[in-house]
């Protein structure tokens, strides 16, 4: 027996040790069982996600096949009409070419006869036509010209315009449904308003509480416990604890901004880095500064490989998935995703318009609220 085991036996009676041993085994078994359940759940989610992706890909392939078949049929009709028109014009061109050859032959004979007539007058009557009827020749040419009028052969422009109209309507329909995620995420839109009582004294909140801008003037405001006094932050009045929520933030014309979500427990007083969005464990954010994009959480920066200056940023918060995603709102392209697992508190939208940035950052940050608020989904 080890010295530790012997010492333990001396301290506790056998019965107590056995109970503790049994309790530890029970706890170990419970944890193992939970671990098994977690692994099974992980496998189930992976299988479901794979099946969903395969189904979505299959539907897109079906859509692509339908469009490709429709395109093939439409082009075959247009090509058939083109071949008919080209064939008709070929026939008319052949008639004109044949007439030109006949005229050229007549010209050659007459030219030769004229040359010889000066030398041997009898040759003229031998080589030339018995009768030279210019009227008949002119009528023959006029008849060919009338029957080969280019405007007599044309495509069915009414049908072509109808096809173009139908394809344009189809394009508009597809565009109205894509990006597919745009329609879905819009259904998660939740109306929020900024809470002026949390705004730093150098921030101006609009009368509708939907935008915030920086001022170099320190405003005389009550020093409330919830007001940020060192960092240029403001958070939303509304908080969310379940469901899925989506917001779009207009940052047009700005050279410096931060936006994201935060727990209400974020520190708000003093210059501590935890007061900055994304620098502590209580908040998540995306930052734009001097042309660079960075995602922040827990003080850890994630440099993003984008150089384009985005005008509108989407923020998607999904409590069921434990997911926070930043997107380019125009085409719903994901910019960065935080996999938080579970959110332990309610979440508020958080904005920082940034300082004046050498006079280039006066534009406000604007929350593009949905036309009407939606309930948690």
Protein backbone atom coordinates (compact mmCIF):
# COMPACT_ATOMS: atom_id res chain seq x y z
CA UNK A 1 0.00 0.00 0.00
CA UNK A 2 1.30 3.44 -0.91
CA UNK A 3 2.08 6.02 1.72
CA UNK A 4 -0.84 8.18 0.48
CA UNK A 5 -3.33 5.28 0.64
CA UNK A 6 -2.10 4.27 4.08
CA UNK A 7 -2.37 7.85 5.30
CA UNK A 8 -5.91 8.10 3.87
CA UNK A 9 -6.97 4.85 5.55
CA UNK A 10 -5.67 6.18 8.84
CA UNK A 11 -7.71 9.38 8.46
CA UNK A 12 -11.03 7.91 7.30
CA UNK A 13 -12.88 4.75 8.26
CA UNK A 14 -13.22 1.97 5.70
CA UNK A 15 -16.94 2.56 5.24
CA UNK A 16 -16.40 6.24 4.45
CA UNK A 17 -13.74 5.44 1.90
CA UNK A 18 -15.95 2.86 0.22
CA UNK A 19 -18.83 5.34 -0.02
CA UNK A 20 -16.53 7.97 -1.47
CA UNK A 21 -15.11 5.43 -3.92
CA UNK A 22 -18.59 4.42 -5.02
CA UNK A 23 -19.59 8.08 -5.36
CA UNK A 24 -16.58 8.85 -7.55
CA UNK A 25 -17.30 5.84 -9.74
CA UNK A 26 -20.88 6.98 -10.13
CA UNK A 27 -19.77 10.48 -11.06
CA UNK A 28 -17.20 9.09 -13.50
CA UNK A 29 -19.85 6.89 -15.11
CA UNK A 30 -22.21 9.86 -15.36
CA UNK A 31 -19.53 11.94 -17.07
CA UNK A 32 -18.66 9.07 -19.42
CA UNK A 33 -22.34 8.67 -20.27
CA UNK A 34 -22.63 12.39 -20.97
CA UNK A 35 -19.48 12.25 -23.09
CA UNK A 36 -21.01 9.38 -25.07
CA UNK A 37 -24.21 11.39 -25.53
CA UNK A 38 -22.24 14.42 -26.68
CA UNK A 39 -20.30 12.34 -29.21
CA UNK A 40 -23.55 10.83 -30.49
CA UNK A 41 -25.09 14.29 -30.77
CA UNK A 42 -22.03 15.52 -32.63
CA UNK A 43 -22.29 12.61 -35.07
CA UNK A 44 -26.02 13.23 -35.50
CA UNK A 45 -25.48 16.93 -36.27
CA UNK A 46 -22.71 16.12 -38.73
CA UNK A 47 -24.94 13.60 -40.54
CA UNK A 48 -27.90 16.00 -40.62
CA UNK A 49 -25.74 18.86 -41.86
CA UNK A 50 -24.22 16.65 -44.57
CA UNK A 51 -27.68 15.48 -45.66
CA UNK A 52 -28.97 19.08 -45.80
CA UNK A 53 -25.99 20.22 -47.86
CA UNK A 54 -26.40 17.29 -50.25
CA UNK A 55 -30.11 18.04 -50.66
CA UNK A 56 -29.41 21.72 -51.30
CA UNK A 57 -26.69 20.89 -53.83
CA UNK A 58 -29.07 18.43 -55.48
CA UNK A 59 -31.78 21.08 -55.80
CA UNK A 60 -29.33 23.56 -57.29
CA UNK A 61 -28.23 20.91 -59.80
CA UNK A 62 -31.87 20.26 -60.69
CA UNK A 63 -32.46 23.98 -61.18
CA UNK A 64 -29.34 24.16 -63.32
CA UNK A 65 -30.49 21.15 -65.39
CA UNK A 66 -33.95 22.67 -65.94
CA UNK A 67 -32.43 25.97 -67.07
CA UNK A 68 -29.89 24.27 -69.31
CA UNK A 69 -32.61 22.16 -70.97
CA UNK A 70 -34.81 25.21 -71.46
CA UNK A 71 -31.86 27.08 -72.93
CA UNK A 72 -31.13 24.17 -75.28
CA UNK A 73 -34.72 24.07 -76.55
CA UNK A 74 -34.93 27.84 -76.92
CA UNK A 75 -31.64 28.01 -78.83
CA UNK A 76 -32.68 25.12 -81.08
CA UNK A 77 -35.80 27.07 -82.13
CA UNK A 78 -33.78 30.23 -82.76
CA UNK A 79 -31.13 28.30 -84.70
CA UNK A 80 -33.80 26.54 -86.79
CA UNK A 81 -35.30 29.88 -87.76
CA UNK A 82 -31.85 31.25 -88.52
CA UNK A 83 -31.04 28.26 -90.79
CA UNK A 84 -34.32 28.75 -92.68
CA UNK A 85 -33.64 32.45 -93.24
CA UNK A 86 -30.02 31.84 -94.26
CA UNK A 87 -31.11 29.06 -96.65
CA UNK A 88 -33.72 31.33 -98.27
CA UNK A 89 -31.15 34.07 -98.73
CA UNK A 90 -28.69 31.53 -100.19
CA UNK A 91 -31.29 30.67 -102.84
CA UNK A 92 -31.87 34.31 -103.72
CA UNK A 93 -28.14 34.97 -103.84
CA UNK A 94 -27.69 32.00 -106.20
CA UNK A 95 -30.34 33.42 -108.57
CA UNK A 96 -28.55 36.78 -108.58
CA UNK A 97 -25.17 35.12 -109.15
CA UNK A 98 -26.58 33.07 -112.04
CA UNK A 99 -28.03 36.24 -113.59
CA UNK A 100 -24.74 38.05 -113.20
CA UNK A 101 -22.96 35.17 -114.96
CA UNK A 102 -25.45 35.32 -117.84
CA UNK A 103 -25.05 39.08 -118.15
CA UNK A 104 -21.25 38.74 -117.98
CA UNK A 105 -21.34 36.17 -120.78
CA UNK A 106 -23.53 38.46 -122.90
CA UNK A 107 -21.18 41.36 -122.23
CA UNK A 108 -18.19 39.27 -123.23
CA UNK A 109 -19.79 38.21 -126.48
CA UNK A 110 -20.88 41.73 -127.34
CA UNK A 111 -17.49 43.14 -126.45
CA UNK A 112 -15.79 40.62 -128.72
CA UNK A 113 -18.28 41.32 -131.50
CA UNK A 114 -17.69 45.07 -131.25
CA UNK A 115 -13.95 44.56 -131.48
CA UNK A 116 -14.31 42.35 -134.55
CA UNK A 117 -16.92 44.50 -136.28
CA UNK A 118 -14.32 47.09 -137.11
CA UNK A 119 -12.26 44.45 -138.87
CA UNK A 120 -14.82 42.08 -140.36
CA UNK A 121 -18.37 43.45 -140.49
CA UNK A 122 -19.85 39.96 -141.17
CA UNK A 123 -18.58 38.64 -137.84
CA UNK A 124 -20.99 40.90 -135.95
CA UNK A 125 -24.04 39.11 -137.29
CA UNK A 126 -22.47 35.71 -136.64
CA UNK A 127 -21.42 36.26 -133.03
CA UNK A 128 -24.26 38.38 -131.74
CA UNK A 129 -27.79 37.31 -130.86
CA UNK A 130 -30.19 37.19 -133.72
CA UNK A 131 -32.24 39.81 -131.89
CA UNK A 132 -31.01 42.31 -129.32
CA UNK A 133 -34.02 43.11 -127.10
CA UNK A 134 -32.93 45.43 -124.27
CA UNK A 135 -36.47 45.61 -122.92
CA UNK A 136 -36.70 41.87 -122.43
CA UNK A 137 -33.31 41.79 -120.72
CA UNK A 138 -34.23 44.66 -118.44
CA UNK A 139 -37.51 42.97 -117.50
CA UNK A 140 -35.66 39.76 -116.69
CA UNK A 141 -33.24 41.61 -114.39
CA UNK A 142 -36.03 43.58 -112.77
CA UNK A 143 -37.94 40.37 -112.09
CA UNK A 144 -34.94 38.80 -110.35
CA UNK A 145 -34.34 41.96 -108.32
CA UNK A 146 -37.97 42.11 -107.23
CA UNK A 147 -37.97 38.48 -106.18
CA UNK A 148 -34.70 38.80 -104.27
CA UNK A 149 -35.54 41.84 -102.12
CA UNK A 150 -33.46 41.37 -98.88
CA UNK A 151 -36.35 42.66 -96.77
CA UNK A 152 -38.48 39.74 -97.97
CA UNK A 153 -36.52 37.40 -95.68
CA UNK A 154 -36.47 38.18 -91.95
CA UNK A 155 -36.52 36.63 -88.52
CA UNK A 156 -39.70 36.55 -86.46
CA UNK A 157 -38.84 39.63 -84.43
CA UNK A 158 -42.08 39.50 -82.46
CA UNK A 159 -41.19 36.00 -81.29
CA UNK A 160 -37.62 37.03 -80.56
CA UNK A 161 -38.80 39.98 -78.48
CA UNK A 162 -41.23 37.71 -76.65
CA UNK A 163 -38.40 35.28 -75.86
CA UNK A 164 -36.23 38.15 -74.62
CA UNK A 165 -39.10 39.39 -72.47
CA UNK A 166 -39.63 35.95 -70.95
CA UNK A 167 -35.92 35.44 -70.25
CA UNK A 168 -35.72 38.88 -68.67
CA UNK A 169 -38.70 38.04 -66.45
CA UNK A 170 -37.01 34.79 -65.49
CA UNK A 171 -33.82 36.69 -64.65
CA UNK A 172 -35.74 39.16 -62.50
CA UNK A 173 -37.45 36.27 -60.71
CA UNK A 174 -34.12 34.57 -60.00
CA UNK A 175 -32.58 37.85 -58.85
CA UNK A 176 -35.53 38.45 -56.54
CA UNK A 177 -34.84 35.11 -54.86
CA UNK A 178 -31.06 35.41 -54.68
CA UNK A 179 -28.88 35.54 -52.78
CA UNK A 180 -31.03 32.81 -51.25
CA UNK A 181 -29.73 33.64 -47.77
CA UNK A 182 -30.85 37.24 -48.11
CA UNK A 183 -34.52 36.32 -48.01
CA UNK A 184 -33.94 33.91 -45.14
CA UNK A 185 -31.88 36.28 -43.02
CA UNK A 186 -34.28 39.14 -43.63
CA UNK A 187 -36.93 37.02 -41.93
CA UNK A 188 -34.77 37.13 -38.79
CA UNK A 189 -34.63 40.94 -38.76
CA UNK A 190 -35.24 42.36 -35.30
CA UNK A 191 -35.83 46.02 -34.66
CA UNK A 192 -33.48 47.59 -32.14
CA UNK A 193 -32.93 51.08 -30.80
CA UNK A 194 -29.79 52.51 -29.27
CA UNK A 195 -29.89 53.26 -25.56
CA UNK A 196 -28.75 56.89 -25.04
CA UNK A 197 -28.11 56.17 -21.38
CA UNK A 198 -25.24 53.86 -22.35
CA UNK A 199 -23.62 56.21 -24.90
CA UNK A 200 -20.22 57.79 -24.26
CA UNK A 201 -20.54 61.59 -23.76
CA UNK A 202 -18.83 62.20 -27.12
CA UNK A 203 -21.44 60.25 -29.01
CA UNK A 204 -24.58 61.77 -30.53
CA UNK A 205 -27.60 59.49 -30.77
CA UNK A 206 -30.18 60.40 -33.43
CA UNK A 207 -33.75 61.30 -32.35
CA UNK A 208 -34.97 57.94 -33.68
CA UNK A 209 -32.19 56.16 -31.74
CA UNK A 210 -31.11 54.35 -34.90
CA UNK A 211 -27.77 56.02 -35.59
CA UNK A 212 -24.71 57.25 -33.72
CA UNK A 213 -21.96 59.68 -34.65
CA UNK A 214 -18.88 61.13 -32.98
CA UNK A 215 -18.50 64.70 -31.76
CA UNK A 216 -15.31 66.24 -30.44
CA UNK A 217 -17.35 68.07 -27.79
CA UNK A 218 -17.80 66.41 -24.43
CA UNK A 219 -21.50 66.59 -23.65
CA UNK A 220 -22.71 67.20 -20.13
CA UNK A 221 -24.66 64.04 -19.38
CA UNK A 222 -25.57 62.19 -16.16
CA UNK A 223 -22.81 59.83 -15.08
CA UNK A 224 -25.03 56.77 -15.07
CA UNK A 225 -23.70 53.33 -14.05
CA UNK A 226 -24.41 51.95 -17.51
CA UNK A 227 -22.72 54.75 -19.47
CA UNK A 228 -19.36 54.15 -21.13
CA UNK A 229 -17.01 56.90 -20.00
CA UNK A 230 -13.75 56.05 -21.79
CA UNK A 231 -14.61 53.96 -24.84
CA UNK A 232 -16.81 55.33 -27.63
CA UNK A 233 -19.48 52.66 -27.28
CA UNK A 234 -23.25 52.52 -27.20
CA UNK A 235 -25.43 49.42 -26.93
CA UNK A 236 -29.01 48.66 -27.87
CA UNK A 237 -31.89 49.08 -25.50
CA UNK A 238 -33.24 45.66 -26.44
CA UNK A 239 -31.50 42.44 -25.45
CA UNK A 240 -32.10 38.95 -26.81
CA UNK A 241 -31.83 35.59 -25.11
CA UNK A 242 -33.08 33.09 -27.67
CA UNK A 243 -33.94 32.69 -31.32
CA UNK A 244 -32.21 34.10 -34.36
CA UNK A 245 -31.68 37.79 -35.00
CA UNK A 246 -30.29 39.76 -37.91
CA UNK A 247 -29.32 43.41 -38.25
CA UNK A 248 -27.81 45.45 -41.04
CA UNK A 249 -25.51 48.34 -40.20
CA UNK A 250 -24.74 51.10 -42.70
CA UNK A 251 -21.12 52.26 -42.42
CA UNK A 252 -20.96 54.18 -45.71
CA UNK A 253 -18.26 56.86 -45.80
CA UNK A 254 -16.56 55.78 -42.58
CA UNK A 255 -12.87 55.05 -42.17
CA UNK A 256 -13.08 53.69 -38.63
CA UNK A 257 -15.80 51.71 -36.89
CA UNK A 258 -16.51 48.78 -34.61
CA UNK A 259 -19.74 46.83 -34.35
CA UNK A 260 -20.90 43.59 -32.80
CA UNK A 261 -22.78 42.19 -29.83
CA UNK A 262 -22.15 42.25 -26.11
CA UNK A 263 -23.40 40.93 -22.81
CA UNK A 264 -24.78 43.63 -20.51
CA UNK A 265 -21.96 42.75 -18.08
CA UNK A 266 -19.30 44.40 -20.29
CA UNK A 267 -17.20 46.82 -18.20
CA UNK A 268 -18.13 50.42 -18.91
CA UNK A 269 -15.93 52.57 -16.71
CA UNK A 270 -12.31 53.51 -17.14
CA UNK A 271 -9.77 52.82 -19.87
CA UNK A 272 -9.60 49.06 -19.32
CA UNK A 273 -9.23 47.12 -22.57
CA UNK A 274 -12.17 44.95 -21.53
CA UNK A 275 -14.40 48.00 -22.13
CA UNK A 276 -13.50 47.90 -25.82
CA UNK A 277 -15.69 45.75 -28.02
CA UNK A 278 -14.22 42.29 -28.51
CA UNK A 279 -11.31 42.84 -26.14
CA UNK A 280 -12.95 40.97 -23.28
CA UNK A 281 -14.92 37.75 -22.92
CA UNK A 282 -18.21 39.68 -22.77
CA UNK A 283 -18.31 40.94 -26.36
CA UNK A 284 -17.65 40.09 -30.00
CA UNK A 285 -16.97 42.61 -32.75
CA UNK A 286 -15.73 43.37 -36.23
CA UNK A 287 -13.49 46.42 -36.66
CA UNK A 288 -12.49 48.53 -39.66
CA UNK A 289 -9.49 50.82 -39.24
CA UNK A 290 -7.10 52.31 -41.81
CA UNK A 291 -8.39 49.98 -44.51
CA UNK A 292 -7.95 46.81 -42.44
CA UNK A 293 -10.67 44.53 -41.09
CA UNK A 294 -10.26 42.65 -37.82
CA UNK A 295 -12.61 40.40 -35.86
CA UNK A 296 -12.19 40.46 -32.06
CA UNK A 297 -13.24 38.36 -29.09
CA UNK A 298 -11.53 37.81 -25.78
CA UNK A 299 -8.73 40.15 -26.82
CA UNK A 300 -7.75 37.86 -29.70
CA UNK A 301 -7.58 39.59 -33.12
CA UNK A 302 -8.44 37.79 -36.36
CA UNK A 303 -7.13 39.67 -39.38
CA UNK A 304 -9.56 39.45 -42.30
CA UNK A 305 -8.36 39.24 -45.93
CA UNK A 306 -10.55 42.00 -47.38
CA UNK A 307 -9.52 45.28 -48.96
CA UNK A 308 -12.89 46.41 -50.31
CA UNK A 309 -14.60 49.12 -48.28
CA UNK A 310 -17.99 47.64 -47.41
CA UNK A 311 -20.98 49.95 -47.09
CA UNK A 312 -23.34 47.71 -45.17
CA UNK A 313 -22.48 44.98 -42.67
CA UNK A 314 -24.90 42.25 -41.66
CA UNK A 315 -24.82 40.76 -38.16
CA UNK A 316 -26.47 37.37 -37.61
CA UNK A 317 -26.87 36.01 -34.10
CA UNK A 318 -28.20 32.46 -33.76
CA UNK A 319 -28.77 31.23 -30.23
CA UNK A 320 -29.65 27.64 -31.27
CA UNK A 321 -26.37 27.30 -33.20
CA UNK A 322 -24.30 29.41 -30.81
CA UNK A 323 -23.20 31.36 -33.86
CA UNK A 324 -22.32 34.99 -34.52
CA UNK A 325 -21.68 35.83 -38.17
CA UNK A 326 -20.62 39.06 -39.85
CA UNK A 327 -21.57 39.39 -43.53
CA UNK A 328 -21.35 41.78 -46.44
CA UNK A 329 -25.05 42.61 -46.55
CA UNK A 330 -25.26 43.25 -50.31
CA UNK A 331 -24.54 39.66 -51.34
CA UNK A 332 -24.65 37.92 -47.95
CA UNK A 333 -21.01 36.86 -48.23
CA UNK A 334 -19.76 35.71 -44.79
CA UNK A 335 -16.82 37.79 -43.58
CA UNK A 336 -16.16 36.07 -40.24
CA UNK A 337 -17.97 33.66 -37.96
CA UNK A 338 -17.60 33.17 -34.19
CA UNK A 339 -18.64 29.73 -32.92
CA UNK A 340 -19.56 30.65 -29.36
CA UNK A 341 -21.26 27.36 -28.53
CA UNK A 342 -23.76 28.78 -26.07
CA UNK A 343 -24.42 32.35 -24.98
CA UNK A 344 -24.66 32.61 -21.20
CA UNK A 345 -26.38 36.02 -21.06
CA UNK A 346 -28.70 38.12 -23.17
CA UNK A 347 -27.04 39.86 -26.10
CA UNK A 348 -27.24 43.52 -27.10
CA UNK A 349 -26.17 45.07 -30.38
CA UNK A 350 -23.11 47.25 -29.76
CA UNK A 351 -21.68 50.06 -31.90
CA UNK A 352 -18.58 52.24 -31.85
CA UNK A 353 -18.45 54.96 -34.56
CA UNK A 354 -14.82 55.74 -33.72
CA UNK A 355 -13.14 59.12 -33.33
CA UNK A 356 -12.83 61.69 -36.12
CA UNK A 357 -9.82 59.81 -37.58
CA UNK A 358 -8.06 62.94 -38.87
CA UNK A 359 -11.31 64.46 -40.04
CA UNK A 360 -12.29 61.53 -42.29
CA UNK A 361 -14.77 59.75 -40.03
CA UNK A 362 -17.66 62.13 -39.44
CA UNK A 363 -20.35 59.93 -41.01
CA UNK A 364 -22.72 58.17 -38.60
CA UNK A 365 -23.25 54.46 -38.12
CA UNK A 366 -26.87 53.70 -39.00
CA UNK A 367 -28.93 50.69 -37.97
CA UNK A 368 -31.10 49.67 -40.90
CA UNK A 369 -34.01 48.33 -38.92
CA UNK A 370 -36.61 46.08 -40.46
CA UNK A 371 -39.82 47.80 -41.49
CA UNK A 372 -41.55 46.00 -38.66
CA UNK A 373 -40.02 44.08 -35.75
CA UNK A 374 -40.28 40.31 -35.69
CA UNK A 375 -40.61 38.03 -32.74
CA UNK A 376 -37.93 35.54 -31.75
CA UNK A 377 -37.87 32.61 -34.14
